C-alpha atoms as a PDB file:
ATOM      1  CA  MET A   1      24.828  -8.360 -54.781  1.00  0.00           C
ATOM      2  CA  ALA A   2      23.780  -5.735 -57.322  1.00  0.00           C
ATOM      3  CA  HIS A   3      23.604  -1.954 -57.449  1.00  0.00           C
ATOM      4  CA  ARG A   4      20.316  -0.677 -58.770  1.00  0.00           C
ATOM      5  CA  PRO A   5      18.470   2.646 -58.523  1.00  0.00           C
ATOM      6  CA  ALA A   6      15.348   2.890 -56.364  1.00  0.00           C
ATOM      7  CA  HIS A   7      13.017   5.768 -57.127  1.00  0.00           C
ATOM      8  CA  GLN A   8      11.668   7.693 -54.171  1.00  0.00           C
ATOM      9  CA  ARG A   9       8.653   9.986 -54.015  1.00  0.00           C
ATOM     10  CA  ARG A  10      10.789  12.974 -52.973  1.00  0.00           C
ATOM     11  CA  PRO A  11      11.929  14.657 -56.189  1.00  0.00           C
ATOM     12  CA  ARG A  12      15.243  15.849 -54.745  1.00  0.00           C
ATOM     13  CA  TYR A  13      16.615  12.298 -54.477  1.00  0.00           C
ATOM     14  CA  ARG A  14      15.096  10.531 -57.468  1.00  0.00           C
ATOM     15  CA  THR A  15      17.700   7.821 -57.938  1.00  0.00           C
ATOM     16  CA  PRO A  16      19.604   6.873 -54.823  1.00  0.00           C
ATOM     17  CA  ARG A  17      22.155   4.143 -55.383  1.00  0.00           C
ATOM     18  CA  ILE A  18      21.473   1.043 -53.344  1.00  0.00           C
ATOM     19  CA  LEU A  19      23.176  -2.195 -52.500  1.00  0.00           C
ATOM     20  CA  ASP A  20      20.618  -4.845 -51.561  1.00  0.00           C
ATOM     21  CA  GLN A  21      21.840  -8.163 -50.205  1.00  0.00           C
ATOM     22  CA  THR A  22      20.802 -10.971 -47.904  1.00  0.00           C
ATOM     23  CA  VAL A  23      23.150 -11.747 -45.021  1.00  0.00           C
ATOM     24  CA  ARG A  24      23.247 -14.113 -42.074  1.00  0.00           C
ATOM     25  CA  ILE A  25      23.874 -13.034 -38.514  1.00  0.00           C
ATOM     26  CA  LYS A  26      25.417 -15.379 -35.977  1.00  0.00           C
ATOM     27  CA  ASP A  27      22.858 -16.785 -33.512  1.00  0.00           C
ATOM     28  CA  TYR A  28      19.912 -15.451 -35.555  1.00  0.00           C
ATOM     29  CA  PRO A  29      17.970 -18.241 -37.296  1.00  0.00           C
ATOM     30  CA  GLN A  30      16.719 -16.400 -40.392  1.00  0.00           C
ATOM     31  CA  PRO A  31      18.411 -14.420 -43.154  1.00  0.00           C
ATOM     32  CA  ILE A  32      18.481 -10.655 -42.797  1.00  0.00           C
ATOM     33  CA  ARG A  33      18.274  -8.160 -45.604  1.00  0.00           C
ATOM     34  CA  GLN A  34      20.915  -5.465 -45.659  1.00  0.00           C
ATOM     35  CA  ILE A  35      20.371  -2.380 -47.810  1.00  0.00           C
ATOM     36  CA  ALA A  36      23.001   0.331 -48.164  1.00  0.00           C
ATOM     37  CA  ILE A  37      21.728   3.579 -49.722  1.00  0.00           C
ATOM     38  CA  ARG A  38      23.851   6.404 -51.124  1.00  0.00           C
ATOM     39  CA  ASP A  39      22.795   9.795 -52.487  1.00  0.00           C
ATOM     40  CA  LEU A  40      20.245  10.597 -49.772  1.00  0.00           C
ATOM     41  CA  ASP A  41      22.038  13.874 -49.042  1.00  0.00           C
ATOM     42  CA  HIS A  42      24.142  12.337 -46.261  1.00  0.00           C
ATOM     43  CA  ASP A  43      27.925  12.147 -46.197  1.00  0.00           C
ATOM     44  CA  LYS A  44      27.862   8.428 -45.478  1.00  0.00           C
ATOM     45  CA  PRO A  45      25.540   5.728 -46.819  1.00  0.00           C
ATOM     46  CA  THR A  46      22.394   4.883 -44.906  1.00  0.00           C
ATOM     47  CA  LEU A  47      22.273   1.259 -43.789  1.00  0.00           C
ATOM     48  CA  LEU A  48      18.962  -0.546 -43.292  1.00  0.00           C
ATOM     49  CA  LEU A  49      18.710  -3.988 -41.722  1.00  0.00           C
ATOM     50  CA  THR A  50      15.370  -5.755 -41.994  1.00  0.00           C
ATOM     51  CA  ASN A  51      13.729  -9.131 -41.988  1.00  0.00           C
ATOM     52  CA  GLN A  52      11.346  -7.878 -44.703  1.00  0.00           C
ATOM     53  CA  LEU A  53      12.648 -10.007 -47.537  1.00  0.00           C
ATOM     54  CA  ASP A  54       9.723  -9.468 -49.919  1.00  0.00           C
ATOM     55  CA  ALA A  55       9.308  -5.684 -49.759  1.00  0.00           C
ATOM     56  CA  SER A  56      10.793  -3.620 -52.579  1.00  0.00           C
ATOM     57  CA  PRO A  57      13.748  -1.336 -51.839  1.00  0.00           C
ATOM     58  CA  ARG A  58      11.499   1.663 -52.584  1.00  0.00           C
ATOM     59  CA  GLU A  59       8.935   0.560 -49.978  1.00  0.00           C
ATOM     60  CA  LEU A  60      11.644   0.097 -47.375  1.00  0.00           C
ATOM     61  CA  ILE A  61      13.310   3.441 -48.138  1.00  0.00           C
ATOM     62  CA  ASP A  62       9.940   5.238 -47.978  1.00  0.00           C
ATOM     63  CA  ARG A  63       9.152   3.536 -44.648  1.00  0.00           C
ATOM     64  CA  TYR A  64      12.583   4.546 -43.331  1.00  0.00           C
ATOM     65  CA  ALA A  65      11.981   8.162 -44.417  1.00  0.00           C
ATOM     66  CA  ARG A  66       8.599   8.263 -42.643  1.00  0.00           C
ATOM     67  CA  ARG A  67      10.128   6.816 -39.482  1.00  0.00           C
ATOM     68  CA  MET A  68      12.910   9.400 -39.602  1.00  0.00           C
ATOM     69  CA  LEU A  69      10.299  12.180 -39.748  1.00  0.00           C
ATOM     70  CA  ILE A  70       8.657  10.735 -36.639  1.00  0.00           C
ATOM     71  CA  GLU A  71      12.002  10.413 -34.866  1.00  0.00           C
ATOM     72  CA  ASN A  72      12.918  13.987 -35.789  1.00  0.00           C
ATOM     73  CA  THR A  73       9.587  15.200 -34.396  1.00  0.00           C
ATOM     74  CA  ILE A  74      10.258  13.357 -31.145  1.00  0.00           C
ATOM     75  CA  ALA A  75      13.799  14.763 -31.027  1.00  0.00           C
ATOM     76  CA  ASP A  76      12.374  18.260 -31.518  1.00  0.00           C
ATOM     77  CA  ALA A  77       9.931  17.697 -28.650  1.00  0.00           C
ATOM     78  CA  VAL A  78      12.771  16.481 -26.441  1.00  0.00           C
ATOM     79  CA  ASN A  79      14.810  19.599 -27.236  1.00  0.00           C
ATOM     80  CA  PHE A  80      12.025  22.179 -27.080  1.00  0.00           C
ATOM     81  CA  PHE A  81       9.794  20.774 -24.350  1.00  0.00           C
ATOM     82  CA  HIS A  82      12.737  19.365 -22.342  1.00  0.00           C
ATOM     83  CA  MET A  83      11.375  15.825 -22.160  1.00  0.00           C
ATOM     84  CA  ASP A  84      14.865  14.696 -21.206  1.00  0.00           C
ATOM     85  CA  ALA A  85      14.597  16.788 -18.050  1.00  0.00           C
ATOM     86  CA  LEU A  86      11.280  15.555 -16.700  1.00  0.00           C
ATOM     87  CA  SER A  87      10.819  16.725 -13.164  1.00  0.00           C
ATOM     88  CA  ALA A  88       8.832  13.728 -12.031  1.00  0.00           C
ATOM     89  CA  ALA A  89       9.946  11.547  -9.185  1.00  0.00           C
ATOM     90  CA  VAL A  90       7.169   8.967  -9.578  1.00  0.00           C
ATOM     91  CA  PRO A  91       5.862   7.219 -12.718  1.00  0.00           C
ATOM     92  CA  LEU A  92       2.408   8.854 -12.492  1.00  0.00           C
ATOM     93  CA  ARG A  93       3.987  12.276 -12.659  1.00  0.00           C
ATOM     94  CA  ILE A  94       6.214  11.255 -15.580  1.00  0.00           C
ATOM     95  CA  ASP A  95       3.120  10.085 -17.446  1.00  0.00           C
ATOM     96  CA  LEU A  96       1.533  13.467 -16.784  1.00  0.00           C
ATOM     97  CA  ASP A  97       4.661  15.293 -18.003  1.00  0.00           C
ATOM     98  CA  VAL A  98       4.745  13.245 -21.201  1.00  0.00           C
ATOM     99  CA  GLN A  99       0.995  13.743 -21.760  1.00  0.00           C
ATOM    100  CA  LEU A 100       1.285  17.509 -21.309  1.00  0.00           C
ATOM    101  CA  THR A 101       4.249  17.543 -23.680  1.00  0.00           C
ATOM    102  CA  LEU A 102       2.283  15.640 -26.320  1.00  0.00           C
ATOM    103  CA  MET A 103      -0.665  18.002 -25.899  1.00  0.00           C
ATOM    104  CA  ALA A 104       1.592  21.045 -26.244  1.00  0.00           C
ATOM    105  CA  SER A 105       3.181  19.570 -29.350  1.00  0.00           C
ATOM    106  CA  ALA A 106      -0.266  18.902 -30.851  1.00  0.00           C
ATOM    107  CA  LEU A 107      -1.361  22.471 -30.094  1.00  0.00           C
ATOM    108  CA  TYR A 108       1.711  23.846 -31.873  1.00  0.00           C
ATOM    109  CA  ARG A 109       0.832  21.618 -34.878  1.00  0.00           C
ATOM    110  CA  LEU A 110      -2.717  23.053 -34.858  1.00  0.00           C
ATOM    111  CA  LEU A 111      -1.296  26.581 -34.737  1.00  0.00           C
ATOM    112  CA  ALA A 112       1.081  25.817 -37.608  1.00  0.00           C
ATOM    113  CA  ASN A 113      -1.726  24.356 -39.724  1.00  0.00           C
ATOM    114  CA  ARG A 114      -4.017  27.306 -39.026  1.00  0.00           C
ATOM    115  CA  LEU A 115      -1.263  29.768 -39.976  1.00  0.00           C
ATOM    116  CA  GLY A 116      -1.071  28.213 -43.433  1.00  0.00           C
ATOM    117  CA  ASP A 117       1.520  26.858 -45.832  1.00  0.00           C
ATOM    118  CA  ARG A 118       4.361  29.149 -44.801  1.00  0.00           C
ATOM    119  CA  PHE A 119       4.381  27.788 -41.239  1.00  0.00           C
ATOM    120  CA  ARG A 120       2.931  24.292 -41.732  1.00  0.00           C
ATOM    121  CA  THR A 121       6.320  22.605 -41.221  1.00  0.00           C
ATOM    122  CA  ALA A 122       7.671  25.077 -38.650  1.00  0.00           C
ATOM    123  CA  GLU A 123       9.181  23.615 -35.499  1.00  0.00           C
ATOM    124  CA  PRO A 124       7.507  24.347 -32.143  1.00  0.00           C
ATOM    125  CA  ALA A 125      10.512  26.404 -30.997  1.00  0.00           C
ATOM    126  CA  SER A 126      10.193  28.657 -34.041  1.00  0.00           C
ATOM    127  CA  LEU A 127       6.420  29.023 -33.588  1.00  0.00           C
ATOM    128  CA  PHE A 128       6.990  29.849 -29.931  1.00  0.00           C
ATOM    129  CA  ARG A 129       9.507  32.600 -30.749  1.00  0.00           C
ATOM    130  CA  LYS A 130       7.366  34.136 -33.489  1.00  0.00           C
ATOM    131  CA  PHE A 131       3.888  33.843 -32.000  1.00  0.00           C
ATOM    132  CA  ALA A 132       3.722  32.762 -28.353  1.00  0.00           C
ATOM    133  CA  GLU A 133       6.665  34.507 -26.725  1.00  0.00           C
ATOM    134  CA  ALA A 134       5.071  37.918 -26.398  1.00  0.00           C
ATOM    135  CA  SER A 135       3.883  40.344 -23.810  1.00  0.00           C
ATOM    136  CA  ALA A 136       0.198  41.087 -23.520  1.00  0.00           C
ATOM    137  CA  THR A 137      -2.251  42.831 -21.269  1.00  0.00           C
ATOM    138  CA  ILE A 138      -5.265  40.772 -20.279  1.00  0.00           C
ATOM    139  CA  ASP A 139      -8.411  42.454 -18.992  1.00  0.00           C
ATOM    140  CA  ILE A 140     -11.028  40.124 -17.485  1.00  0.00           C
ATOM    141  CA  ASN A 141     -14.363  41.393 -16.246  1.00  0.00           C
ATOM    142  CA  ASP A 142     -17.893  39.994 -15.962  1.00  0.00           C
ATOM    143  CA  GLU A 143     -18.712  40.453 -19.658  1.00  0.00           C
ATOM    144  CA  ARG A 144     -15.522  39.882 -21.573  1.00  0.00           C
ATOM    145  CA  ILE A 145     -11.899  38.824 -21.726  1.00  0.00           C
ATOM    146  CA  GLU A 146      -9.724  41.192 -23.733  1.00  0.00           C
ATOM    147  CA  VAL A 147      -6.154  40.309 -24.717  1.00  0.00           C
ATOM    148  CA  LYS A 148      -4.063  43.222 -25.993  1.00  0.00           C
ATOM    149  CA  LEU A 149      -0.924  42.025 -27.734  1.00  0.00           C
ATOM    150  CA  GLY A 150       2.091  44.256 -28.204  1.00  0.00           C
ATOM    151  CA  ARG A 151       3.270  45.039 -31.719  1.00  0.00           C
ATOM    152  CA  ARG A 152       5.135  42.184 -33.400  1.00  0.00           C
ATOM    153  CA  GLY A 153       6.249  41.492 -36.946  1.00  0.00           C
ATOM    154  CA  HIS A 154       4.230  38.279 -37.263  1.00  0.00           C
ATOM    155  CA  ASP A 155       0.878  39.750 -36.152  1.00  0.00           C
ATOM    156  CA  PRO A 156      -0.431  39.933 -39.758  1.00  0.00           C
ATOM    157  CA  HIS A 157      -0.163  36.128 -39.957  1.00  0.00           C
ATOM    158  CA  LEU A 158      -2.245  35.755 -36.782  1.00  0.00           C
ATOM    159  CA  ILE A 159      -4.831  38.223 -38.112  1.00  0.00           C
ATOM    160  CA  GLU A 160      -4.957  36.426 -41.479  1.00  0.00           C
ATOM    161  CA  ALA A 161      -5.459  33.101 -39.650  1.00  0.00           C
ATOM    162  CA  GLY A 162      -8.549  34.581 -37.984  1.00  0.00           C
ATOM    163  CA  TYR A 163      -7.269  34.996 -34.447  1.00  0.00           C
ATOM    164  CA  GLY A 164      -8.527  38.592 -34.330  1.00  0.00           C
ATOM    165  CA  ASP A 165     -12.072  37.407 -35.110  1.00  0.00           C
ATOM    166  CA  SER A 166     -12.080  34.354 -32.833  1.00  0.00           C
ATOM    167  CA  THR A 167     -15.316  33.748 -30.921  1.00  0.00           C
ATOM    168  CA  THR A 168     -14.385  30.461 -29.239  1.00  0.00           C
ATOM    169  CA  SER A 169     -15.818  30.462 -25.744  1.00  0.00           C
ATOM    170  CA  ILE A 170     -13.899  29.045 -22.799  1.00  0.00           C
ATOM    171  CA  PRO A 171     -16.085  26.820 -20.584  1.00  0.00           C
ATOM    172  CA  TRP A 172     -14.081  27.279 -17.374  1.00  0.00           C
ATOM    173  CA  LEU A 173     -14.315  31.084 -17.769  1.00  0.00           C
ATOM    174  CA  HIS A 174     -18.118  31.124 -17.787  1.00  0.00           C
ATOM    175  CA  ASN A 175     -18.202  30.555 -21.571  1.00  0.00           C
ATOM    176  CA  ARG A 176     -16.717  33.940 -22.319  1.00  0.00           C
ATOM    177  CA  ALA A 177     -14.828  34.294 -25.616  1.00  0.00           C
ATOM    178  CA  PRO A 178     -11.547  36.166 -25.455  1.00  0.00           C
ATOM    179  CA  LYS A 179     -11.180  39.080 -27.850  1.00  0.00           C
ATOM    180  CA  ILE A 180      -7.639  39.450 -29.166  1.00  0.00           C
ATOM    181  CA  ASN A 181      -6.592  42.962 -30.106  1.00  0.00           C
ATOM    182  CA  PHE A 182      -3.430  43.585 -32.090  1.00  0.00           C
ATOM    183  CA  ALA A 183      -1.418  46.789 -31.709  1.00  0.00           C
END
């Protein structure tokens, strides 16, 4: 049972203090590795239990950090897209709700990436407030689809990302490309 620093890739927490020990659990046939980690910017130590006896503490801490990012993304989807309030009464409908939620989440990620570094890590709720929650006038005729957005503070970011010059045609609208006009 020894304390030793484990260096992480994130510069903010270069040397967390860890306690790495092997323990036995009643009614479990193999030894379990218990790692307690301090100085990860939490009030209490983080405790990892694993049957990975050969992996280094750094590998396990990095894996834990990646999993936490995934769990936080799922938690954000649950909060923003209301996955905990699925309206489905039958499994098929629940699958559809989850699929639509995943698609919406992926579309917000695409928007964030297209908007550049400033918004790359923005949460869907924040992107929604800044870019999607807006009034617009849509004019559809035989030749074109014109979207006129009201004035908003984040319009320059949309223009810089190329949304004002978009020529992507929409197959189900007779391959017409919407033209987005900013106030």
